[in-house]
Amino acid sequence: MLKEYELFVDSFQFARKNFKDNAENSALAQTMGFESNKEYNEIMFLREITHTINMFNDMGDIMRLYSKNPETATTRLANLLSMISGKESESV
């Protein structure tokens, strides 16, 4: 979980630096069909951090499920971990 949190902090800082009140992407936003540069920045910001938010939601679901059904929670955790390790091996 701490590693995922660290990745979230990196993504958040990247998103904030590149998409928070950034006027440099106006031409790109217009070319891509966004109504405004602000809309483009908001969508790109969310796109950058959504994968981590989804991972935190999955981990929260597993923790809530564990007290009711430990076997199912263990299976979901194993599936989640295999997804994470698969992504890490793809990026190497």
C-alpha atoms as a PDB file:
ATOM      1  CA  MET A   1       0.000   0.000   0.000  1.00  0.00           C
ATOM      2  CA  LEU A   2       2.838   2.371   0.755  1.00  0.00           C
ATOM      3  CA  LYS A   3       4.317   1.823  -2.681  1.00  0.00           C
ATOM      4  CA  GLU A   4       0.949   2.616  -4.273  1.00  0.00           C
ATOM      5  CA  TYR A   5       0.711   5.745  -2.119  1.00  0.00           C
ATOM      6  CA  GLU A   6       4.169   6.801  -3.270  1.00  0.00           C
ATOM      7  CA  LEU A   7       3.080   6.320  -6.905  1.00  0.00           C
ATOM      8  CA  PHE A   8      -0.019   8.395  -6.202  1.00  0.00           C
ATOM      9  CA  VAL A   9       2.062  11.240  -4.781  1.00  0.00           C
ATOM     10  CA  ASP A  10       4.267  11.183  -7.894  1.00  0.00           C
ATOM     11  CA  SER A  11       1.218  11.169 -10.197  1.00  0.00           C
ATOM     12  CA  PHE A  12      -0.460  13.925  -8.227  1.00  0.00           C
ATOM     13  CA  GLN A  13       2.625  16.135  -8.321  1.00  0.00           C
ATOM     14  CA  PHE A  14       3.051  15.511 -12.055  1.00  0.00           C
ATOM     15  CA  ALA A  15      -0.618  16.286 -12.704  1.00  0.00           C
ATOM     16  CA  ARG A  16      -0.551  19.409 -10.605  1.00  0.00           C
ATOM     17  CA  LYS A  17       2.612  20.675 -12.296  1.00  0.00           C
ATOM     18  CA  ASN A  18       1.384  19.969 -15.830  1.00  0.00           C
ATOM     19  CA  PHE A  19      -2.375  20.498 -15.667  1.00  0.00           C
ATOM     20  CA  LYS A  20      -3.137  22.972 -12.872  1.00  0.00           C
ATOM     21  CA  ASP A  21      -3.812  26.397 -14.390  1.00  0.00           C
ATOM     22  CA  ASN A  22      -1.542  25.564 -17.329  1.00  0.00           C
ATOM     23  CA  ALA A  23      -2.178  27.823 -20.318  1.00  0.00           C
ATOM     24  CA  GLU A  24       0.485  26.235 -22.519  1.00  0.00           C
ATOM     25  CA  ASN A  25      -1.847  23.537 -23.863  1.00  0.00           C
ATOM     26  CA  SER A  26      -4.505  25.859 -25.286  1.00  0.00           C
ATOM     27  CA  ALA A  27      -3.770  24.974 -28.909  1.00  0.00           C
ATOM     28  CA  LEU A  28      -3.746  21.259 -28.136  1.00  0.00           C
ATOM     29  CA  ALA A  29      -6.999  21.526 -26.186  1.00  0.00           C
ATOM     30  CA  GLN A  30      -8.663  23.342 -29.073  1.00  0.00           C
ATOM     31  CA  THR A  31      -7.346  20.818 -31.614  1.00  0.00           C
ATOM     32  CA  MET A  32      -8.664  17.926 -29.532  1.00  0.00           C
ATOM     33  CA  GLY A  33     -12.097  19.558 -29.375  1.00  0.00           C
ATOM     34  CA  PHE A  34     -12.258  20.685 -25.766  1.00  0.00           C
ATOM     35  CA  GLU A  35     -14.457  23.678 -25.051  1.00  0.00           C
ATOM     36  CA  SER A  36     -11.712  25.366 -23.058  1.00  0.00           C
ATOM     37  CA  ASN A  37      -8.183  24.961 -21.826  1.00  0.00           C
ATOM     38  CA  LYS A  38      -9.588  24.655 -18.301  1.00  0.00           C
ATOM     39  CA  GLU A  39     -11.704  21.646 -19.336  1.00  0.00           C
ATOM     40  CA  TYR A  40      -8.652  20.026 -20.954  1.00  0.00           C
ATOM     41  CA  ASN A  41      -6.536  20.574 -17.822  1.00  0.00           C
ATOM     42  CA  GLU A  42      -9.252  19.147 -15.546  1.00  0.00           C
ATOM     43  CA  ILE A  43      -9.686  16.012 -17.655  1.00  0.00           C
ATOM     44  CA  MET A  44      -5.947  15.431 -18.016  1.00  0.00           C
ATOM     45  CA  PHE A  45      -5.450  15.964 -14.275  1.00  0.00           C
ATOM     46  CA  LEU A  46      -8.103  13.362 -13.462  1.00  0.00           C
ATOM     47  CA  ARG A  47      -6.754  10.995 -16.106  1.00  0.00           C
ATOM     48  CA  GLU A  48      -3.335  11.135 -14.484  1.00  0.00           C
ATOM     49  CA  ILE A  49      -4.524  10.234 -10.972  1.00  0.00           C
ATOM     50  CA  THR A  50      -7.554   7.997 -11.683  1.00  0.00           C
ATOM     51  CA  HIS A  51      -5.613   4.727 -11.846  1.00  0.00           C
ATOM     52  CA  THR A  52      -4.351   5.228  -8.309  1.00  0.00           C
ATOM     53  CA  ILE A  53      -7.744   6.277  -6.989  1.00  0.00           C
ATOM     54  CA  ASN A  54      -9.211   3.102  -8.475  1.00  0.00           C
ATOM     55  CA  MET A  55      -6.490   1.028  -6.816  1.00  0.00           C
ATOM     56  CA  PHE A  56      -7.232   2.627  -3.424  1.00  0.00           C
ATOM     57  CA  ASN A  57     -10.950   1.893  -3.921  1.00  0.00           C
ATOM     58  CA  ASP A  58     -10.139  -1.744  -4.742  1.00  0.00           C
ATOM     59  CA  MET A  59      -7.986  -2.051  -1.615  1.00  0.00           C
ATOM     60  CA  GLY A  60     -10.751  -0.487   0.504  1.00  0.00           C
ATOM     61  CA  ASP A  61     -13.284  -2.952  -0.906  1.00  0.00           C
ATOM     62  CA  ILE A  62     -10.993  -5.851  -0.028  1.00  0.00           C
ATOM     63  CA  MET A  63     -10.537  -4.594   3.531  1.00  0.00           C
ATOM     64  CA  ARG A  64     -14.303  -4.193   4.039  1.00  0.00           C
ATOM     65  CA  LEU A  65     -14.977  -7.607   2.507  1.00  0.00           C
ATOM     66  CA  TYR A  66     -12.387  -9.374   4.679  1.00  0.00           C
ATOM     67  CA  SER A  67     -14.476  -9.285   7.873  1.00  0.00           C
ATOM     68  CA  LYS A  68     -17.475 -10.791   6.067  1.00  0.00           C
ATOM     69  CA  ASN A  69     -15.774 -13.271   3.769  1.00  0.00           C
ATOM     70  CA  PRO A  70     -12.019 -13.748   4.274  1.00  0.00           C
ATOM     71  CA  GLU A  71     -11.600 -16.320   1.491  1.00  0.00           C
ATOM     72  CA  THR A  72     -13.143 -14.062  -1.146  1.00  0.00           C
ATOM     73  CA  ALA A  73     -11.115 -11.103   0.091  1.00  0.00           C
ATOM     74  CA  THR A  74      -7.919 -13.162  -0.097  1.00  0.00           C
ATOM     75  CA  THR A  75      -8.739 -14.177  -3.666  1.00  0.00           C
ATOM     76  CA  ARG A  76      -9.447 -10.574  -4.691  1.00  0.00           C
ATOM     77  CA  LEU A  77      -6.216  -9.442  -3.067  1.00  0.00           C
ATOM     78  CA  ALA A  78      -4.254 -12.118  -4.928  1.00  0.00           C
ATOM     79  CA  ASN A  79      -5.871 -11.010  -8.202  1.00  0.00           C
ATOM     80  CA  LEU A  80      -5.083  -7.381  -7.478  1.00  0.00           C
ATOM     81  CA  LEU A  81      -1.473  -8.180  -6.622  1.00  0.00           C
ATOM     82  CA  SER A  82      -1.075 -10.231  -9.793  1.00  0.00           C
ATOM     83  CA  MET A  83      -2.363  -7.260 -11.815  1.00  0.00           C
ATOM     84  CA  ILE A  84       0.146  -4.961 -10.135  1.00  0.00           C
ATOM     85  CA  SER A  85       3.092  -7.304 -10.610  1.00  0.00           C
ATOM     86  CA  GLY A  86       2.048  -7.856 -14.229  1.00  0.00           C
ATOM     87  CA  LYS A  87       2.109  -4.100 -14.842  1.00  0.00           C
ATOM     88  CA  GLU A  88       5.517  -3.798 -13.202  1.00  0.00           C
ATOM     89  CA  SER A  89       6.989  -6.531 -15.386  1.00  0.00           C
ATOM     90  CA  GLU A  90       5.509  -4.870 -18.507  1.00  0.00           C
ATOM     91  CA  SER A  91       7.187  -1.568 -17.658  1.00  0.00           C
ATOM     92  CA  VAL A  92      10.630  -3.175 -17.257  1.00  0.00           C
END
